[in-house]
């Protein structure tokens, strides 16, 4: 392998959404940094089985529905 072209592989801490932490090795950040997750197996609908919720950012969903209200999609 060529020297000095590969990212540094070191220990970091992962913090889940419930506040629990575990240590792993990664190329993320620097030695000892904490990676805080916004989405993890404890909160993501794919793992929890909950229905996903659509976030309406600045009324984008309402705009879409108004614009395409006359189109009848077959189910």
C-alpha atoms as a PDB file:
ATOM      1  CA  UNK A   1       0.000   0.000   0.000  1.00  0.00           C
ATOM      2  CA  UNK A   2       1.054   3.552  -0.618  1.00  0.00           C
ATOM      3  CA  UNK A   3       1.849   5.492   2.511  1.00  0.00           C
ATOM      4  CA  UNK A   4      -0.032   8.612   3.660  1.00  0.00           C
ATOM      5  CA  UNK A   5      -2.959   8.273   1.203  1.00  0.00           C
ATOM      6  CA  UNK A   6      -5.331   6.303   3.423  1.00  0.00           C
ATOM      7  CA  UNK A   7      -7.566   7.897   6.069  1.00  0.00           C
ATOM      8  CA  UNK A   8      -6.597   7.430   9.709  1.00  0.00           C
ATOM      9  CA  UNK A   9      -8.468   4.590  11.428  1.00  0.00           C
ATOM     10  CA  UNK A  10      -9.016   5.257  15.128  1.00  0.00           C
ATOM     11  CA  UNK A  11     -11.421   4.850  18.068  1.00  0.00           C
ATOM     12  CA  UNK A  12     -14.506   7.078  18.304  1.00  0.00           C
ATOM     13  CA  UNK A  13     -17.663   7.035  20.395  1.00  0.00           C
ATOM     14  CA  UNK A  14     -21.155   6.727  18.863  1.00  0.00           C
ATOM     15  CA  UNK A  15     -24.070   8.339  20.732  1.00  0.00           C
ATOM     16  CA  UNK A  16     -27.552   7.022  19.915  1.00  0.00           C
ATOM     17  CA  UNK A  17     -30.734   9.097  20.099  1.00  0.00           C
ATOM     18  CA  UNK A  18     -31.548   7.774  23.597  1.00  0.00           C
ATOM     19  CA  UNK A  19     -28.173   8.973  24.922  1.00  0.00           C
ATOM     20  CA  UNK A  20     -26.504   5.568  25.151  1.00  0.00           C
ATOM     21  CA  UNK A  21     -22.958   5.345  23.793  1.00  0.00           C
ATOM     22  CA  UNK A  22     -20.612   2.708  22.456  1.00  0.00           C
ATOM     23  CA  UNK A  23     -17.054   2.714  21.201  1.00  0.00           C
ATOM     24  CA  UNK A  24     -15.993   1.621  17.734  1.00  0.00           C
ATOM     25  CA  UNK A  25     -13.255   2.234  15.213  1.00  0.00           C
ATOM     26  CA  UNK A  26     -13.818   4.563  12.255  1.00  0.00           C
ATOM     27  CA  UNK A  27     -12.263   7.051   9.875  1.00  0.00           C
ATOM     28  CA  UNK A  28     -14.716   9.718  11.126  1.00  0.00           C
ATOM     29  CA  UNK A  29     -13.229  12.792  12.786  1.00  0.00           C
ATOM     30  CA  UNK A  30     -10.329  12.488  15.191  1.00  0.00           C
ATOM     31  CA  UNK A  31      -9.409  10.068  17.958  1.00  0.00           C
ATOM     32  CA  UNK A  32     -11.918  10.232  20.811  1.00  0.00           C
ATOM     33  CA  UNK A  33     -14.586  12.313  19.018  1.00  0.00           C
ATOM     34  CA  UNK A  34     -18.286  11.644  19.603  1.00  0.00           C
ATOM     35  CA  UNK A  35     -20.556  10.990  16.609  1.00  0.00           C
ATOM     36  CA  UNK A  36     -24.130  11.925  17.606  1.00  0.00           C
ATOM     37  CA  UNK A  37     -26.759  10.159  15.509  1.00  0.00           C
ATOM     38  CA  UNK A  38     -30.040  11.830  14.516  1.00  0.00           C
ATOM     39  CA  UNK A  39     -31.499   8.582  13.189  1.00  0.00           C
ATOM     40  CA  UNK A  40     -30.648   5.125  14.480  1.00  0.00           C
ATOM     41  CA  UNK A  41     -32.299   1.709  14.929  1.00  0.00           C
ATOM     42  CA  UNK A  42     -34.068   3.032  18.039  1.00  0.00           C
ATOM     43  CA  UNK A  43     -35.877   5.841  16.201  1.00  0.00           C
ATOM     44  CA  UNK A  44     -36.069   4.988  12.473  1.00  0.00           C
ATOM     45  CA  UNK A  45     -39.426   3.631  11.209  1.00  0.00           C
ATOM     46  CA  UNK A  46     -37.680   0.905   9.183  1.00  0.00           C
ATOM     47  CA  UNK A  47     -36.595  -0.724  12.461  1.00  0.00           C
ATOM     48  CA  UNK A  48     -39.371   0.371  14.813  1.00  0.00           C
ATOM     49  CA  UNK A  49     -42.263  -0.574  12.506  1.00  0.00           C
ATOM     50  CA  UNK A  50     -43.971   2.801  12.849  1.00  0.00           C
ATOM     51  CA  UNK A  51     -45.460   4.586   9.889  1.00  0.00           C
ATOM     52  CA  UNK A  52     -43.207   7.224   8.449  1.00  0.00           C
ATOM     53  CA  UNK A  53     -44.273  10.814   8.842  1.00  0.00           C
ATOM     54  CA  UNK A  54     -43.895  13.256   6.007  1.00  0.00           C
ATOM     55  CA  UNK A  55     -42.409  16.545   7.128  1.00  0.00           C
ATOM     56  CA  UNK A  56     -43.978  19.442   5.287  1.00  0.00           C
ATOM     57  CA  UNK A  57     -41.164  21.900   4.790  1.00  0.00           C
ATOM     58  CA  UNK A  58     -42.602  25.339   3.961  1.00  0.00           C
ATOM     59  CA  UNK A  59     -45.880  23.867   2.671  1.00  0.00           C
ATOM     60  CA  UNK A  60     -44.268  21.872  -0.134  1.00  0.00           C
ATOM     61  CA  UNK A  61     -46.729  18.981   0.261  1.00  0.00           C
ATOM     62  CA  UNK A  62     -49.709  21.341   0.149  1.00  0.00           C
ATOM     63  CA  UNK A  63     -48.296  23.051  -2.954  1.00  0.00           C
ATOM     64  CA  UNK A  64     -47.832  19.683  -4.653  1.00  0.00           C
ATOM     65  CA  UNK A  65     -51.356  18.532  -3.786  1.00  0.00           C
ATOM     66  CA  UNK A  66     -52.882  21.811  -4.995  1.00  0.00           C
ATOM     67  CA  UNK A  67     -50.920  21.727  -8.234  1.00  0.00           C
ATOM     68  CA  UNK A  68     -51.840  18.137  -9.073  1.00  0.00           C
ATOM     69  CA  UNK A  69     -55.324  17.936  -7.526  1.00  0.00           C
ATOM     70  CA  UNK A  70     -57.012  17.294 -10.873  1.00  0.00           C
ATOM     71  CA  UNK A  71     -54.871  14.310 -11.810  1.00  0.00           C
ATOM     72  CA  UNK A  72     -56.494  11.019 -10.852  1.00  0.00           C
ATOM     73  CA  UNK A  73     -53.893   8.379 -10.173  1.00  0.00           C
ATOM     74  CA  UNK A  74     -55.092   4.777 -10.359  1.00  0.00           C
ATOM     75  CA  UNK A  75     -54.487   2.712  -7.253  1.00  0.00           C
END
